[in-house]
Amino acid sequence: MSPKGPLRPLTVLFAPESAYGPTNNCAGIGDVLRRRGHRVVFAAEASWKGRLAPLGFEEELVDLAPPPDQPQDAGQFWKGFVRDTAPEFRKPAIEQLETWIKPVWEELISGARYCEPRLKEIVERVRPDVIVEDNVVCFPALTTAGVPFVRIVSCNPLEMKGEHVPPPFSGLPAADRSGCEYDRTHRSLWSDFNSWVTEQGARPLPDLEFIHEGDPNLYVYPEAADYTDARPLGPTWHRLDSSVRETEDTFTLPPALADSDGGGGALIYFSLGSLGSADVDLMRGVIASLARTPHRYIVSKGPVHEEIELPPNMWGEEYLPQTRILPLVDLVITHGGNNTTT
């Protein structure tokens, strides 16, 4: 509130990565803004068509590549990418820099280049007062609009680097400062992308970074697990302990799990997130181990749910209302994704 009354309504443009974690995070923040009278617009990847408008947001759809012949499920590209490259996860993290991390950057950069004209058109037409990006790669149209740019980090707290925290993507401990391997595998890619970014009128990227810092920066990570002492941040960085989109979905335990006498044991929720669960072999291996226990399980089966069979002590579906389930269970088994953790 200002001394003269309420602040004028703002138009806030959100640009989340095409995955459920960043999109739900932005939807949670956007819903607070919407309820306070602001106009909230999403520049969402095209597979999210019809998913955000029912939540009260305006949708502006963006293709990151030539449109597919058939409609895709929301975030389908990254689900398929993880499924097809799952064998790479069996390698040590340091070896994945060349064979998994770099290809991910290449796909992200390709998408940024492809959609730049469309994003510029959206920014010109929507005329946002603030632009918010929850992604890991620069989209020049978002930083050259002449309005405040807010960056959100909701994926990996090690994206904010520091002298006493582990190098991101390396799998190395904090004491090992071997950064030369990332330089070797990514220097050329970064250099080419940085040249393109500046050609679009944006300022140069920081060394070996694929995105700029924002005017303010937000990151989502619980304080109890944060690296605040090892990696102090500047005054533009602000932590959100949690950011979870509220849901109106209800959840009732299936009879086989609700009857503790019949099902036996504790009630446990198992989720590897929408991307981790695309690794079918990993899902099957964990499920086979859990099947030998005396407990009951709710399983988030994810995008390849039709390939995942559950034993009698388990029940699951492709997507589940996680915020309704967590208060009911005794234990959570998770990959540590921000949505589940926070």
Protein backbone atom coordinates (compact mmCIF):
# COMPACT_ATOMS: atom_id res chain seq x y z
CA MET A 1 0.00 0.00 0.00
CA SER A 2 1.21 3.49 -0.79
CA PRO A 3 0.26 6.57 1.29
CA LYS A 4 -2.28 7.47 -1.39
CA GLY A 5 -3.85 4.04 -1.63
CA PRO A 6 -3.28 0.72 -3.43
CA LEU A 7 -0.47 0.35 -5.93
CA ARG A 8 -1.55 0.40 -9.55
CA PRO A 9 -2.10 -3.04 -11.11
CA LEU A 10 0.98 -4.38 -12.88
CA THR A 11 1.32 -6.67 -15.88
CA VAL A 12 3.75 -9.45 -14.97
CA LEU A 13 5.06 -11.75 -17.69
CA PHE A 14 6.29 -15.16 -16.51
CA ALA A 15 8.55 -17.30 -18.69
CA PRO A 16 9.08 -20.70 -17.04
CA GLU A 17 11.03 -23.64 -18.36
CA SER A 18 8.76 -26.26 -19.97
CA ALA A 19 8.71 -28.60 -16.98
CA TYR A 20 6.29 -29.02 -14.08
CA GLY A 21 8.67 -27.77 -11.37
CA PRO A 22 9.40 -24.29 -12.78
CA THR A 23 5.89 -23.89 -14.18
CA ASN A 24 4.18 -24.76 -10.89
CA ASN A 25 6.57 -22.48 -9.03
CA CYS A 26 5.69 -19.57 -11.30
CA ALA A 27 2.00 -20.44 -11.08
CA GLY A 28 2.19 -20.31 -7.28
CA ILE A 29 3.79 -16.87 -7.30
CA GLY A 30 1.56 -15.72 -10.13
CA ASP A 31 -1.56 -16.73 -8.23
CA VAL A 32 -0.58 -14.50 -5.31
CA LEU A 33 -0.11 -11.60 -7.72
CA ARG A 34 -3.38 -12.35 -9.51
CA ARG A 35 -5.33 -12.37 -6.25
CA ARG A 36 -3.82 -8.98 -5.44
CA GLY A 37 -5.25 -7.52 -8.63
CA HIS A 38 -2.33 -7.78 -11.02
CA ARG A 39 -2.46 -9.06 -14.59
CA VAL A 40 -0.41 -12.26 -14.97
CA VAL A 41 0.64 -13.54 -18.39
CA PHE A 42 2.57 -16.73 -19.12
CA ALA A 43 4.90 -17.05 -22.10
CA ALA A 44 4.64 -20.83 -21.95
CA GLU A 45 5.98 -23.49 -24.28
CA ALA A 46 3.23 -24.56 -26.67
CA SER A 47 2.57 -27.97 -25.08
CA TRP A 48 1.11 -26.14 -22.06
CA LYS A 49 -1.84 -24.88 -24.10
CA GLY A 50 -5.00 -24.82 -22.00
CA ARG A 51 -3.19 -25.67 -18.74
CA LEU A 52 -2.68 -22.15 -17.38
CA ALA A 53 -5.79 -20.27 -18.49
CA PRO A 54 -8.04 -22.27 -16.08
CA LEU A 55 -5.83 -21.00 -13.25
CA GLY A 56 -6.70 -17.41 -14.13
CA PHE A 57 -3.64 -16.55 -16.23
CA GLU A 58 -3.32 -15.34 -19.79
CA GLU A 59 -1.50 -17.75 -22.09
CA GLU A 60 0.96 -16.68 -24.78
CA LEU A 61 2.32 -19.84 -26.36
CA VAL A 62 5.88 -20.23 -27.60
CA ASP A 63 7.38 -22.96 -29.78
CA LEU A 64 10.98 -23.88 -28.98
CA ALA A 65 11.31 -25.88 -32.20
CA PRO A 66 9.21 -26.49 -35.33
CA PRO A 67 5.78 -27.67 -34.11
CA PRO A 68 5.32 -31.47 -34.03
CA ASP A 69 2.82 -33.19 -36.28
CA GLN A 70 0.76 -34.32 -33.28
CA PRO A 71 -0.12 -32.38 -30.10
CA GLN A 72 2.19 -33.12 -27.16
CA ASP A 73 1.55 -33.45 -23.45
CA ALA A 74 2.77 -30.56 -21.32
CA GLY A 75 6.55 -30.64 -21.09
CA GLN A 76 6.72 -33.72 -23.30
CA PHE A 77 10.00 -32.74 -24.96
CA TRP A 78 12.02 -32.93 -21.75
CA LYS A 79 10.28 -36.08 -20.63
CA GLY A 80 11.27 -37.78 -23.88
CA PHE A 81 14.78 -36.36 -23.70
CA VAL A 82 15.35 -37.79 -20.22
CA ARG A 83 13.88 -41.16 -21.18
CA ASP A 84 16.08 -41.44 -24.27
CA THR A 85 19.25 -40.37 -22.49
CA ALA A 86 18.68 -42.27 -19.23
CA PRO A 87 21.70 -44.58 -19.78
CA GLU A 88 23.93 -41.53 -19.34
CA PHE A 89 22.86 -41.34 -15.70
CA ARG A 90 24.72 -44.57 -15.01
CA LYS A 91 28.04 -42.78 -15.61
CA PRO A 92 29.97 -40.78 -12.99
CA ALA A 93 28.72 -37.19 -12.92
CA ILE A 94 32.03 -35.78 -14.16
CA GLU A 95 31.75 -37.92 -17.32
CA GLN A 96 28.21 -36.67 -17.95
CA LEU A 97 29.50 -33.15 -18.59
CA GLU A 98 30.31 -34.08 -22.18
CA THR A 99 27.56 -36.60 -22.88
CA TRP A 100 24.54 -35.24 -20.99
CA ILE A 101 25.02 -31.76 -19.53
CA LYS A 102 26.39 -30.31 -22.77
CA PRO A 103 23.57 -31.78 -24.93
CA VAL A 104 21.05 -30.28 -22.49
CA TRP A 105 22.61 -26.84 -22.91
CA GLU A 106 22.61 -27.34 -26.68
CA GLU A 107 18.88 -28.10 -26.68
CA LEU A 108 18.13 -25.13 -24.43
CA ILE A 109 20.19 -22.79 -26.60
CA SER A 110 18.53 -24.07 -29.75
CA GLY A 111 15.14 -23.31 -28.21
CA ALA A 112 16.19 -19.82 -27.16
CA ARG A 113 17.40 -19.01 -30.66
CA TYR A 114 14.27 -20.41 -32.29
CA CYS A 115 11.73 -18.54 -30.16
CA GLU A 116 13.48 -15.16 -29.96
CA PRO A 117 11.28 -13.50 -32.65
CA ARG A 118 8.12 -14.83 -31.02
CA LEU A 119 9.19 -13.66 -27.56
CA LYS A 120 9.95 -10.19 -28.88
CA GLU A 121 6.48 -10.04 -30.42
CA ILE A 122 4.87 -11.14 -27.13
CA VAL A 123 6.80 -8.57 -25.10
CA GLU A 124 5.85 -5.79 -27.54
CA ARG A 125 2.17 -6.73 -27.47
CA VAL A 126 1.76 -7.59 -23.77
CA ARG A 127 3.84 -4.58 -22.62
CA PRO A 128 4.79 -6.07 -19.24
CA ASP A 129 5.86 -3.96 -16.28
CA VAL A 130 7.97 -6.83 -14.95
CA ILE A 131 9.40 -9.96 -16.59
CA VAL A 132 10.07 -13.09 -14.53
CA GLU A 133 12.08 -16.03 -15.89
CA ASP A 134 12.43 -19.39 -14.14
CA ASN A 135 14.88 -21.11 -16.45
CA VAL A 136 18.61 -21.69 -16.82
CA VAL A 137 19.31 -20.11 -20.22
CA CYS A 138 19.13 -16.52 -21.48
CA PHE A 139 16.30 -15.36 -23.72
CA PRO A 140 17.49 -11.92 -24.90
CA ALA A 141 13.96 -10.66 -25.56
CA LEU A 142 13.28 -10.93 -21.82
CA THR A 143 16.30 -8.87 -20.75
CA THR A 144 16.12 -6.14 -23.40
CA ALA A 145 12.51 -5.07 -22.84
CA GLY A 146 13.44 -2.04 -20.75
CA VAL A 147 11.57 -3.28 -17.65
CA PRO A 148 12.81 -4.99 -14.47
CA PHE A 149 13.96 -8.57 -15.09
CA VAL A 150 13.57 -11.09 -12.28
CA ARG A 151 15.47 -14.36 -12.38
CA ILE A 152 14.24 -17.34 -10.38
CA VAL A 153 16.42 -20.34 -9.56
CA SER A 154 14.15 -23.25 -8.64
CA CYS A 155 16.20 -26.16 -9.96
CA ASN A 156 19.63 -26.39 -8.34
CA PRO A 157 20.94 -24.17 -5.51
CA LEU A 158 24.48 -24.73 -6.78
CA GLU A 159 23.62 -22.57 -9.77
CA MET A 160 24.60 -19.74 -7.42
CA LYS A 161 28.28 -20.53 -7.30
CA GLY A 162 30.62 -19.94 -4.37
CA GLU A 163 34.16 -20.66 -3.24
CA HIS A 164 33.12 -23.19 -0.62
CA VAL A 165 30.34 -25.09 -2.39
CA PRO A 166 30.71 -27.96 -4.89
CA PRO A 167 31.10 -27.08 -8.57
CA PRO A 168 27.67 -27.60 -10.18
CA PHE A 169 27.10 -30.63 -12.43
CA SER A 170 30.47 -32.19 -11.48
CA GLY A 171 29.61 -34.57 -8.66
CA LEU A 172 32.76 -33.33 -6.92
CA PRO A 173 32.98 -32.46 -3.21
CA ALA A 174 33.21 -28.85 -2.11
CA ALA A 175 36.94 -29.12 -1.42
CA ASP A 176 37.71 -30.16 -5.01
CA ARG A 177 37.95 -27.05 -7.18
CA SER A 178 38.49 -28.92 -10.47
CA GLY A 179 36.65 -26.53 -12.73
CA CYS A 180 38.82 -27.07 -15.80
CA GLU A 181 36.74 -29.99 -17.11
CA TYR A 182 33.59 -27.88 -17.39
CA ASP A 183 35.64 -25.20 -19.12
CA ARG A 184 36.97 -27.75 -21.61
CA THR A 185 33.57 -29.22 -22.46
CA HIS A 186 31.55 -25.98 -22.52
CA ARG A 187 33.82 -23.06 -23.46
CA SER A 188 33.15 -23.17 -27.20
CA LEU A 189 29.39 -23.60 -26.76
CA TRP A 190 29.25 -20.70 -24.30
CA SER A 191 31.34 -18.45 -26.54
CA ASP A 192 29.05 -18.99 -29.55
CA PHE A 193 25.94 -18.42 -27.46
CA ASN A 194 27.37 -15.31 -25.84
CA SER A 195 28.09 -13.85 -29.29
CA TRP A 196 24.49 -14.49 -30.37
CA VAL A 197 23.11 -12.99 -27.14
CA THR A 198 25.02 -9.75 -27.65
CA GLU A 199 23.96 -9.65 -31.31
CA GLN A 200 20.35 -9.52 -30.05
CA GLY A 201 21.17 -6.38 -28.08
CA ALA A 202 21.60 -8.01 -24.66
CA ARG A 203 24.60 -7.44 -22.43
CA PRO A 204 27.38 -10.08 -22.46
CA LEU A 205 26.88 -13.16 -20.33
CA PRO A 206 29.11 -13.72 -17.30
CA ASP A 207 31.99 -16.08 -18.00
CA LEU A 208 30.75 -19.64 -18.62
CA GLU A 209 27.24 -18.66 -17.46
CA PHE A 210 24.29 -19.20 -19.79
CA ILE A 211 21.96 -16.70 -18.11
CA HIS A 212 22.25 -13.24 -16.59
CA GLU A 213 21.45 -12.33 -13.03
CA GLY A 214 18.25 -10.38 -12.58
CA ASP A 215 17.58 -6.98 -11.11
CA PRO A 216 16.30 -8.90 -8.12
CA ASN A 217 16.92 -12.66 -8.02
CA LEU A 218 14.79 -15.26 -6.25
CA TYR A 219 15.76 -18.81 -5.43
CA VAL A 220 13.65 -21.57 -3.94
CA TYR A 221 15.40 -23.66 -1.32
CA PRO A 222 14.69 -24.43 2.35
CA GLU A 223 16.90 -22.51 4.75
CA ALA A 224 17.73 -25.62 6.77
CA ALA A 225 19.50 -27.15 3.76
CA ASP A 226 20.87 -23.96 2.20
CA TYR A 227 24.53 -23.04 1.75
CA THR A 228 24.17 -19.62 3.37
CA ASP A 229 27.48 -19.80 5.28
CA ALA A 230 29.53 -21.43 2.50
CA ARG A 231 28.07 -19.31 -0.28
CA PRO A 232 26.97 -15.87 0.89
CA LEU A 233 24.96 -14.02 -1.75
CA GLY A 234 24.71 -10.35 -2.63
CA PRO A 235 21.80 -8.07 -1.71
CA THR A 236 19.92 -8.76 -4.96
CA TRP A 237 19.35 -12.42 -4.00
CA HIS A 238 16.32 -13.44 -1.95
CA ARG A 239 15.46 -16.97 -0.83
CA LEU A 240 11.95 -18.43 -0.80
CA ASP A 241 11.82 -21.32 1.65
CA SER A 242 9.07 -22.85 -0.43
CA SER A 243 6.84 -22.06 -3.37
CA VAL A 244 4.05 -24.56 -3.92
CA ARG A 245 1.03 -24.05 -6.13
CA GLU A 246 -2.17 -24.69 -4.23
CA THR A 247 -4.46 -27.29 -5.72
CA GLU A 248 -8.17 -27.86 -5.42
CA ASP A 249 -7.80 -31.56 -6.23
CA THR A 250 -8.99 -33.93 -3.54
CA PHE A 251 -7.41 -37.25 -2.69
CA THR A 252 -8.85 -40.32 -1.05
CA LEU A 253 -6.72 -43.34 -0.27
CA PRO A 254 -7.63 -46.38 -2.37
CA PRO A 255 -9.28 -49.05 -0.21
CA ALA A 256 -6.31 -51.43 -0.48
CA LEU A 257 -4.01 -48.83 1.04
CA ALA A 258 -6.49 -47.20 3.41
CA ASP A 259 -7.00 -50.47 5.29
CA SER A 260 -3.81 -50.68 7.31
CA ASP A 261 -4.82 -54.11 8.61
CA GLY A 262 -5.16 -55.38 5.07
CA GLY A 263 -2.22 -53.51 3.54
CA GLY A 264 0.02 -53.55 6.60
CA GLY A 265 3.04 -51.47 7.44
CA ALA A 266 3.66 -47.76 7.08
CA LEU A 267 2.23 -45.62 4.30
CA ILE A 268 5.02 -44.29 2.05
CA TYR A 269 5.02 -41.88 -0.89
CA PHE A 270 7.54 -42.53 -3.70
CA SER A 271 8.29 -39.91 -6.36
CA LEU A 272 11.22 -39.22 -8.66
CA GLY A 273 9.54 -36.20 -10.23
CA SER A 274 8.20 -35.82 -13.75
CA LEU A 275 11.68 -36.16 -15.27
CA GLY A 276 13.33 -38.71 -12.99
CA SER A 277 10.40 -41.08 -13.34
CA ALA A 278 11.02 -41.14 -17.10
CA ASP A 279 14.00 -43.40 -16.32
CA VAL A 280 11.99 -46.63 -16.53
CA ASP A 281 14.80 -48.97 -15.49
CA LEU A 282 15.45 -46.93 -12.36
CA MET A 283 11.76 -46.85 -11.47
CA ARG A 284 11.42 -50.59 -11.97
CA GLY A 285 14.49 -51.30 -9.85
CA VAL A 286 13.31 -49.21 -6.91
CA ILE A 287 9.78 -50.61 -7.12
CA ALA A 288 11.11 -54.18 -7.12
CA SER A 289 13.08 -53.45 -3.94
CA LEU A 290 10.16 -51.77 -2.20
CA ALA A 291 7.85 -54.65 -3.15
CA ARG A 292 9.81 -56.90 -0.78
CA THR A 293 8.99 -54.72 2.24
CA PRO A 294 5.88 -54.98 4.45
CA HIS A 295 4.78 -51.40 3.73
CA ARG A 296 2.19 -49.68 1.54
CA TYR A 297 3.21 -47.27 -1.21
CA ILE A 298 1.69 -44.44 -3.21
CA VAL A 299 3.73 -44.13 -6.40
CA SER A 300 3.92 -41.13 -8.71
CA LYS A 301 4.40 -43.07 -11.95
CA GLY A 302 5.14 -40.09 -14.19
CA PRO A 303 5.04 -39.63 -17.97
CA VAL A 304 5.78 -43.27 -18.92
CA HIS A 305 3.23 -44.63 -16.46
CA GLU A 306 1.97 -47.23 -18.93
CA GLU A 307 5.37 -48.98 -18.76
CA ILE A 308 5.43 -49.19 -14.96
CA GLU A 309 3.58 -52.06 -13.27
CA LEU A 310 2.94 -51.96 -9.54
CA PRO A 311 2.80 -54.92 -7.12
CA PRO A 312 -0.14 -55.45 -4.74
CA ASN A 313 1.32 -53.31 -1.93
CA MET A 314 1.41 -50.24 -4.22
CA TRP A 315 -0.98 -47.92 -5.97
CA GLY A 316 -0.17 -45.03 -8.29
CA GLU A 317 -1.07 -42.88 -11.26
CA GLU A 318 0.69 -40.71 -13.80
CA TYR A 319 0.15 -37.51 -11.80
CA LEU A 320 -0.91 -37.14 -8.19
CA PRO A 321 -2.02 -34.16 -6.03
CA GLN A 322 1.18 -34.18 -4.02
CA THR A 323 0.21 -31.45 -1.56
CA ARG A 324 -2.86 -33.50 -0.58
CA ILE A 325 -0.92 -36.75 -0.22
CA LEU A 326 2.09 -35.66 1.83
CA PRO A 327 0.12 -34.97 5.06
CA LEU A 328 -1.25 -38.55 4.95
CA VAL A 329 1.99 -40.52 4.73
CA ASP A 330 4.60 -41.66 7.22
CA LEU A 331 7.64 -41.35 4.94
CA VAL A 332 8.62 -39.85 1.58
CA ILE A 333 11.15 -41.38 -0.81
CA THR A 334 12.17 -38.72 -3.34
CA HIS A 335 14.93 -37.65 -5.70
CA GLY A 336 15.11 -34.38 -3.76
CA GLY A 337 13.28 -32.18 -6.24
CA ASN A 338 12.37 -28.74 -4.99
CA ASN A 339 8.61 -29.24 -5.26
CA THR A 340 8.59 -32.37 -3.11
CA THR A 341 11.24 -31.18 -0.68
CA THR A 342 9.77 -27.78 0.06
